Amino acid sequence: MNAARLFASSLSEMAQDKDVQKMSSHIESALGAAEDLISDLLDISRLESGKMKAKVSDFSIDEVFSTLAAEFGMIAKEQGVDFRVQPTGIRIRSDKRLLRRVLQNFLTNAFRYNPNGRVLLGARRKGNKVRIEVWDNGPGIPEDRQQDIFNEFTRIDRKGAELGLGLGLAIARGISRILTQPLGLRSWPGEGTVFSITAHRATVMPLVGDTSVEADAQPKNSEPMAGVHVLCVDNEKDILTGMESLLTRWGCQVQVAEDMEQVENLLQDGWNPNVILSDYHLAPSLTGLDILQRCRELLGDGFTGAIITADRTPETRQMIREQGFSYIAKPVKPIKLRALLQQGVN
């Protein structure tokens, strides 16, 4: 699926004929729907089996808002949505990863049913609690459907809106139960909807000098990729071909490698990449982290490194980030890949 997603994105980039453009768009949409279904079913499975656990800590809401601003800001430009994020400076006690998943589902829902509309992400203080809200000015939810909107496979048909799978809000409800942080819904048919989750404010003040990342309500525009040197490492030739095709069409200068020896030969021959993308499972005794650590030995810290993997476990994500590298889940979404490459430029 990862290779198919890359080829489909490359086809969309190169298509000139309108019929080919339309067909490639349908292919991308179908692959995206399949990916979303797999991801949501995995989350539902983990929720029902009790394997999804919360790791509660104190953190600034703006840390979560900033990543969502970047992720959905680019989608908003593609879909014509007026998306705004209101920084708060509030610290809460929750699980950062699970909270972000809930808000992702709220935002996805707001974008899907409110094309060319307005969406706002913000928070309100309520005594010792904080209500984090996603507002939209869409068609709203009929009163007789508001009771079951959080049930699995519940969807509201809207003319002109892309139908979801009916799992996102069910996952949000399951996560809220794990966090013991209640969800809220207010909706006015014909005027808009507000989804919310309520968390406790943090009780411990941050250490002096501890600064949080503030949300950027207006993410940077997509920047040209011309001249960005990218090294792609994978033991599957189809994936390397798909990655090289897509990145080359973005204007990147790309080199590919299948193992450590090929990587070392490229670097020792003078190839100096800005970004190194490596699959995680390369061989029985070789991982993408081995590749990136070896590149660090040869190049220093002058590159952006990322592991691309289908392993979505929190332990793997944490291990990768503790080494100072980025994590990208398979199948690779071009919009996230472009954002990472822009980090390499900057």
Protein backbone atom coordinates (compact mmCIF):
# COMPACT_ATOMS: atom_id res chain seq x y z
CA MET A 1 0.00 0.00 0.00
CA ASN A 2 2.91 2.33 0.74
CA ALA A 3 4.37 1.84 -2.74
CA ALA A 4 0.90 2.23 -4.32
CA ARG A 5 0.35 5.50 -2.47
CA LEU A 6 3.68 6.87 -3.71
CA PHE A 7 3.00 5.86 -7.33
CA ALA A 8 -0.51 7.35 -7.18
CA SER A 9 0.84 10.65 -5.86
CA SER A 10 3.48 10.70 -8.58
CA LEU A 11 0.80 10.00 -11.20
CA SER A 12 -1.23 12.94 -9.92
CA GLU A 13 1.83 15.18 -10.19
CA MET A 14 2.60 14.21 -13.79
CA ALA A 15 -0.94 13.87 -15.20
CA GLN A 16 -1.74 16.36 -17.98
CA ASP A 17 -4.93 14.91 -19.46
CA LYS A 18 -8.04 15.82 -17.44
CA ASP A 19 -9.38 12.27 -17.50
CA VAL A 20 -6.06 10.93 -16.19
CA GLN A 21 -6.02 13.62 -13.49
CA LYS A 22 -9.53 12.64 -12.44
CA MET A 23 -8.69 8.93 -12.37
CA SER A 24 -5.46 9.45 -10.41
CA SER A 25 -7.41 11.55 -7.90
CA HIS A 26 -9.90 8.69 -7.47
CA ILE A 27 -7.03 6.23 -6.95
CA GLU A 28 -5.48 8.43 -4.26
CA SER A 29 -8.84 8.86 -2.57
CA ALA A 30 -9.49 5.10 -2.57
CA LEU A 31 -6.04 4.34 -1.15
CA GLY A 32 -6.50 7.03 1.49
CA ALA A 33 -9.84 5.53 2.51
CA ALA A 34 -8.28 2.07 2.78
CA GLU A 35 -5.47 3.47 4.92
CA ASP A 36 -7.92 5.28 7.19
CA LEU A 37 -10.00 2.12 7.58
CA ILE A 38 -6.96 0.03 8.57
CA SER A 39 -5.79 2.67 11.06
CA ASP A 40 -9.24 3.07 12.62
CA LEU A 41 -9.84 -0.68 12.88
CA LEU A 42 -6.48 -1.08 14.62
CA ASP A 43 -7.46 1.62 17.12
CA ILE A 44 -10.88 0.03 17.70
CA SER A 45 -9.18 -3.34 18.25
CA ARG A 46 -6.76 -1.87 20.78
CA LEU A 47 -9.58 -0.08 22.59
CA GLU A 48 -11.74 -3.21 22.81
CA SER A 49 -8.85 -5.43 23.92
CA GLY A 50 -7.77 -2.97 26.62
CA LYS A 51 -4.29 -2.58 25.10
CA MET A 52 -4.56 1.18 24.67
CA LYS A 53 -3.12 2.70 27.85
CA ALA A 54 -2.81 6.32 28.91
CA LYS A 55 0.52 7.89 29.90
CA VAL A 56 -0.59 10.97 31.78
CA SER A 57 1.69 13.98 32.23
CA ASP A 58 1.57 17.77 32.50
CA PHE A 59 2.13 19.73 29.29
CA SER A 60 1.09 22.87 27.46
CA ILE A 61 -1.92 22.55 25.16
CA ASP A 62 0.01 24.66 22.65
CA GLU A 63 2.41 21.75 22.10
CA VAL A 64 -0.48 19.73 20.70
CA PHE A 65 -2.02 22.72 18.93
CA SER A 66 1.21 23.50 17.06
CA THR A 67 1.42 20.05 15.45
CA LEU A 68 -2.26 20.12 14.52
CA ALA A 69 -1.88 23.62 13.07
CA ALA A 70 0.89 22.40 10.77
CA GLU A 71 -0.85 19.15 9.81
CA PHE A 72 -4.32 20.54 9.11
CA GLY A 73 -3.11 23.94 7.88
CA MET A 74 -1.86 22.38 4.65
CA ILE A 75 -5.06 20.35 4.25
CA ALA A 76 -7.10 23.50 4.81
CA LYS A 77 -5.39 25.23 1.90
CA GLU A 78 -6.14 22.30 -0.38
CA GLN A 79 -9.81 22.17 0.65
CA GLY A 80 -10.46 25.91 0.91
CA VAL A 81 -11.21 25.77 4.65
CA ASP A 82 -10.58 28.85 6.80
CA PHE A 83 -8.75 27.04 9.64
CA ARG A 84 -7.58 28.93 12.72
CA VAL A 85 -5.84 27.85 15.92
CA GLN A 86 -6.00 29.99 19.04
CA PRO A 87 -2.89 29.66 21.28
CA THR A 88 -3.76 29.45 24.97
CA GLY A 89 -0.66 29.18 27.18
CA ILE A 90 -2.65 26.73 29.36
CA ARG A 91 -1.04 23.63 30.85
CA ILE A 92 -3.17 20.53 31.37
CA ARG A 93 -2.82 17.00 32.71
CA SER A 94 -3.56 14.34 30.09
CA ASP A 95 -1.93 11.96 27.61
CA LYS A 96 -0.50 14.14 24.85
CA ARG A 97 -0.61 11.44 22.16
CA LEU A 98 -4.16 10.30 22.89
CA LEU A 99 -5.46 13.85 23.24
CA ARG A 100 -3.97 14.70 19.86
CA ARG A 101 -5.76 11.66 18.36
CA VAL A 102 -9.10 12.86 19.71
CA LEU A 103 -8.59 16.36 18.33
CA GLN A 104 -7.44 14.92 14.98
CA ASN A 105 -10.75 13.07 14.72
CA PHE A 106 -12.73 16.19 15.66
CA LEU A 107 -10.89 18.24 13.02
CA THR A 108 -11.20 15.56 10.35
CA ASN A 109 -14.94 15.48 10.98
CA ALA A 110 -15.21 19.28 10.84
CA PHE A 111 -13.28 19.47 7.56
CA ARG A 112 -15.21 16.62 5.95
CA TYR A 113 -18.67 18.04 6.58
CA ASN A 114 -17.77 21.70 6.15
CA PRO A 115 -15.96 22.16 2.80
CA ASN A 116 -15.02 25.79 2.12
CA GLY A 117 -16.23 26.71 5.61
CA ARG A 118 -14.57 27.89 8.81
CA VAL A 119 -13.01 25.76 11.58
CA LEU A 120 -11.56 26.97 14.89
CA LEU A 121 -9.45 25.04 17.43
CA GLY A 122 -9.17 26.59 20.89
CA ALA A 123 -9.70 26.09 24.62
CA ARG A 124 -11.69 27.62 27.51
CA ARG A 125 -10.81 27.67 31.21
CA LYS A 126 -13.55 26.27 33.46
CA GLY A 127 -12.29 26.56 37.05
CA ASN A 128 -9.69 23.84 37.53
CA LYS A 129 -10.62 22.28 34.18
CA VAL A 130 -10.04 23.14 30.53
CA ARG A 131 -12.50 22.47 27.72
CA ILE A 132 -10.70 22.01 24.39
CA GLU A 133 -13.05 22.75 21.51
CA VAL A 134 -13.32 22.39 17.73
CA TRP A 135 -15.89 24.77 16.21
CA ASP A 136 -17.24 24.72 12.67
CA ASN A 137 -19.92 26.66 10.83
CA GLY A 138 -21.16 23.65 8.89
CA PRO A 139 -24.67 22.23 8.50
CA GLY A 140 -24.86 20.96 12.08
CA ILE A 141 -26.18 17.63 13.36
CA PRO A 142 -29.93 16.94 13.55
CA GLU A 143 -31.13 16.78 17.15
CA ASP A 144 -32.44 13.24 16.75
CA ARG A 145 -28.97 12.04 15.62
CA GLN A 146 -26.91 13.68 18.34
CA GLN A 147 -27.41 10.83 20.80
CA ASP A 148 -25.83 8.16 18.59
CA ILE A 149 -23.19 10.17 16.69
CA PHE A 150 -20.39 8.61 18.79
CA ASN A 151 -21.43 5.04 17.95
CA GLU A 152 -19.36 2.93 15.54
CA PHE A 153 -20.19 3.23 11.82
CA THR A 154 -22.61 6.09 12.42
CA ARG A 155 -22.53 8.61 9.57
CA ILE A 156 -24.67 11.54 8.54
CA ASP A 157 -25.16 11.85 4.80
CA ARG A 158 -24.48 15.34 3.56
CA LYS A 159 -24.87 16.44 -0.04
CA GLY A 160 -21.47 17.37 -1.48
CA ALA A 161 -19.54 16.10 1.56
CA GLU A 162 -17.10 13.19 1.46
CA LEU A 163 -18.47 10.38 3.61
CA GLY A 164 -16.23 9.07 6.37
CA LEU A 165 -16.10 5.58 7.82
CA GLY A 166 -18.12 6.33 10.92
CA LEU A 167 -15.31 5.29 13.28
CA GLY A 168 -13.48 8.51 14.18
CA LEU A 169 -15.91 9.75 16.82
CA ALA A 170 -16.28 6.22 18.26
CA ILE A 171 -12.50 6.13 18.71
CA ALA A 172 -12.61 9.57 20.33
CA ARG A 173 -15.24 8.30 22.78
CA GLY A 174 -13.14 5.23 23.63
CA ILE A 175 -10.06 7.36 24.26
CA SER A 176 -12.03 9.77 26.44
CA ARG A 177 -13.06 6.84 28.63
CA ILE A 178 -9.44 5.73 29.00
CA LEU A 179 -8.45 9.28 29.94
CA THR A 180 -11.60 9.76 32.09
CA GLN A 181 -11.97 13.08 30.29
CA PRO A 182 -15.54 13.59 29.01
CA LEU A 183 -16.51 14.55 25.49
CA GLY A 184 -19.05 17.22 24.67
CA LEU A 185 -21.25 18.02 21.69
CA ARG A 186 -23.30 21.11 20.92
CA SER A 187 -24.86 21.57 17.51
CA TRP A 188 -27.25 23.97 15.85
CA PRO A 189 -28.74 22.63 12.58
CA GLY A 190 -27.90 24.97 9.74
CA GLU A 191 -25.40 26.96 11.84
CA GLY A 192 -22.57 24.72 13.08
CA THR A 193 -21.20 22.25 15.62
CA VAL A 194 -18.80 22.22 18.58
CA PHE A 195 -17.02 19.04 19.68
CA SER A 196 -15.04 19.20 22.92
CA ILE A 197 -13.02 17.21 25.45
CA THR A 198 -12.48 18.42 29.02
CA ALA A 199 -9.19 17.90 30.90
CA HIS A 200 -7.87 18.98 34.32
CA ARG A 201 -5.46 21.88 34.49
CA ALA A 202 -1.90 20.95 35.45
CA THR A 203 -1.20 21.26 39.16
CA VAL A 204 2.60 21.53 38.91
CA MET A 205 4.15 24.67 37.45
CA PRO A 206 6.86 24.20 34.79
CA LEU A 207 10.49 24.67 35.74
CA VAL A 208 12.02 28.09 35.22
CA GLY A 209 13.21 28.35 31.64
CA ASP A 210 10.82 25.66 30.41
CA THR A 211 9.08 27.18 27.40
CA SER A 212 6.34 25.54 25.43
CA VAL A 213 5.98 25.54 21.70
CA GLU A 214 3.28 27.99 20.73
CA ALA A 215 0.77 27.07 18.06
CA ASP A 216 1.22 28.70 14.71
CA ALA A 217 -2.26 29.67 13.59
CA GLN A 218 -0.96 30.29 10.09
CA PRO A 219 1.44 27.48 9.08
CA LYS A 220 4.07 28.22 6.49
CA ASN A 221 3.14 27.88 2.86
CA SER A 222 4.43 24.96 0.90
CA GLU A 223 7.95 25.85 -0.19
CA PRO A 224 9.68 24.65 -3.36
CA MET A 225 11.70 21.47 -2.98
CA ALA A 226 14.18 22.26 -5.79
CA GLY A 227 17.74 21.54 -4.70
CA VAL A 228 16.87 19.48 -1.62
CA HIS A 229 19.17 16.45 -1.48
CA VAL A 230 17.33 13.36 -0.27
CA LEU A 231 18.68 9.88 0.44
CA CYS A 232 16.05 7.11 0.51
CA VAL A 233 16.87 3.74 2.05
CA ASP A 234 14.60 0.71 1.68
CA ASN A 235 15.04 -2.98 0.85
CA GLU A 236 11.95 -2.99 -1.39
CA LYS A 237 12.71 -1.74 -4.90
CA ASP A 238 9.09 -0.77 -5.66
CA ILE A 239 9.04 1.60 -2.71
CA LEU A 240 12.37 3.15 -3.72
CA THR A 241 11.10 3.61 -7.27
CA GLY A 242 7.88 5.22 -6.06
CA MET A 243 9.70 7.50 -3.62
CA GLU A 244 12.27 8.56 -6.22
CA SER A 245 9.54 9.28 -8.78
CA LEU A 246 7.53 11.46 -6.39
CA LEU A 247 10.46 13.38 -4.89
CA THR A 248 12.06 14.00 -8.28
CA ARG A 249 8.83 15.56 -9.50
CA TRP A 250 8.94 17.88 -6.48
CA GLY A 251 12.36 19.06 -7.66
CA CYS A 252 14.48 17.10 -5.17
CA GLN A 253 17.81 15.53 -6.02
CA VAL A 254 17.40 11.91 -4.96
CA GLN A 255 19.72 8.98 -4.32
CA VAL A 256 18.51 5.54 -3.23
CA ALA A 257 20.12 2.67 -1.35
CA GLU A 258 19.04 -0.79 -0.21
CA ASP A 259 21.57 -1.52 2.55
CA MET A 260 24.34 -0.12 4.73
CA GLU A 261 27.09 -0.74 2.17
CA GLN A 262 25.33 1.28 -0.52
CA VAL A 263 24.67 4.10 1.96
CA GLU A 264 28.33 4.25 3.03
CA ASN A 265 29.51 4.23 -0.59
CA LEU A 266 27.24 7.18 -1.46
CA LEU A 267 28.33 9.25 1.52
CA GLN A 268 32.01 8.47 1.10
CA ASP A 269 31.74 9.48 -2.57
CA GLY A 270 30.68 12.95 -1.44
CA TRP A 271 26.87 12.79 -1.49
CA ASN A 272 25.69 15.17 1.24
CA PRO A 273 21.93 14.80 1.83
CA ASN A 274 19.73 17.35 3.58
CA VAL A 275 17.19 14.65 4.43
CA ILE A 276 17.62 10.90 4.95
CA LEU A 277 14.51 8.69 4.82
CA SER A 278 14.91 5.08 5.89
CA ASP A 279 12.58 2.14 6.27
CA TYR A 280 12.75 0.63 9.76
CA HIS A 281 12.93 -3.12 9.05
CA LEU A 282 15.64 -3.50 6.40
CA ALA A 283 17.15 -6.92 7.19
CA PRO A 284 17.13 -9.41 10.08
CA SER A 285 20.11 -7.63 11.66
CA LEU A 286 19.72 -4.13 10.21
CA THR A 287 17.25 -1.36 11.07
CA GLY A 288 16.69 2.15 9.84
CA LEU A 289 18.03 3.46 13.15
CA ASP A 290 21.32 1.69 12.41
CA ILE A 291 21.42 3.51 9.06
CA LEU A 292 20.68 6.94 10.53
CA GLN A 293 23.14 6.51 13.39
CA ARG A 294 25.87 5.53 10.91
CA CYS A 295 25.00 8.58 8.78
CA ARG A 296 25.32 10.73 11.89
CA GLU A 297 28.80 9.30 12.48
CA LEU A 298 29.81 10.18 8.91
CA LEU A 299 27.96 13.49 8.48
CA GLY A 300 27.38 14.87 11.95
CA ASP A 301 24.01 16.42 12.78
CA GLY A 302 23.68 18.42 9.57
CA PHE A 303 20.73 16.46 8.17
CA THR A 304 17.10 15.69 9.00
CA GLY A 305 16.59 11.96 9.56
CA ALA A 306 13.29 10.09 9.54
CA ILE A 307 12.22 6.49 9.98
CA ILE A 308 9.36 5.25 7.78
CA THR A 309 7.60 2.25 9.27
CA ALA A 310 4.31 0.38 9.52
CA ASP A 311 5.04 -0.21 13.23
CA ARG A 312 2.67 2.21 14.98
CA THR A 313 3.35 1.15 18.57
CA PRO A 314 4.10 3.96 21.07
CA GLU A 315 7.32 2.19 22.07
CA THR A 316 8.71 2.35 18.52
CA ARG A 317 7.73 6.00 18.12
CA GLN A 318 9.37 6.88 21.41
CA MET A 319 12.56 4.96 20.60
CA ILE A 320 12.91 6.77 17.26
CA ARG A 321 12.31 10.21 18.75
CA GLU A 322 14.67 9.58 21.67
CA GLN A 323 17.41 9.13 19.07
CA GLY A 324 16.59 12.57 17.67
CA PHE A 325 14.87 11.39 14.48
CA SER A 326 11.37 11.86 13.04
CA TYR A 327 8.70 9.17 12.66
CA ILE A 328 6.56 8.69 9.56
CA ALA A 329 3.87 6.00 9.47
CA LYS A 330 3.29 3.85 6.41
CA PRO A 331 1.61 4.35 4.02
CA VAL A 332 3.43 7.65 3.58
CA LYS A 333 1.16 10.66 3.16
CA PRO A 334 2.70 13.10 0.66
CA ILE A 335 1.52 16.11 2.66
CA LYS A 336 3.49 14.95 5.74
CA LEU A 337 6.49 14.04 3.62
CA ARG A 338 6.55 17.52 2.10
CA ALA A 339 6.39 19.09 5.57
CA LEU A 340 9.41 17.02 6.68
CA LEU A 341 11.38 18.00 3.59
CA GLN A 342 10.70 21.65 4.31
CA GLN A 343 12.27 21.13 7.74
CA GLY A 344 15.36 19.84 5.94
CA VAL A 345 15.49 23.02 3.86
CA ASN A 346 15.06 25.28 6.89
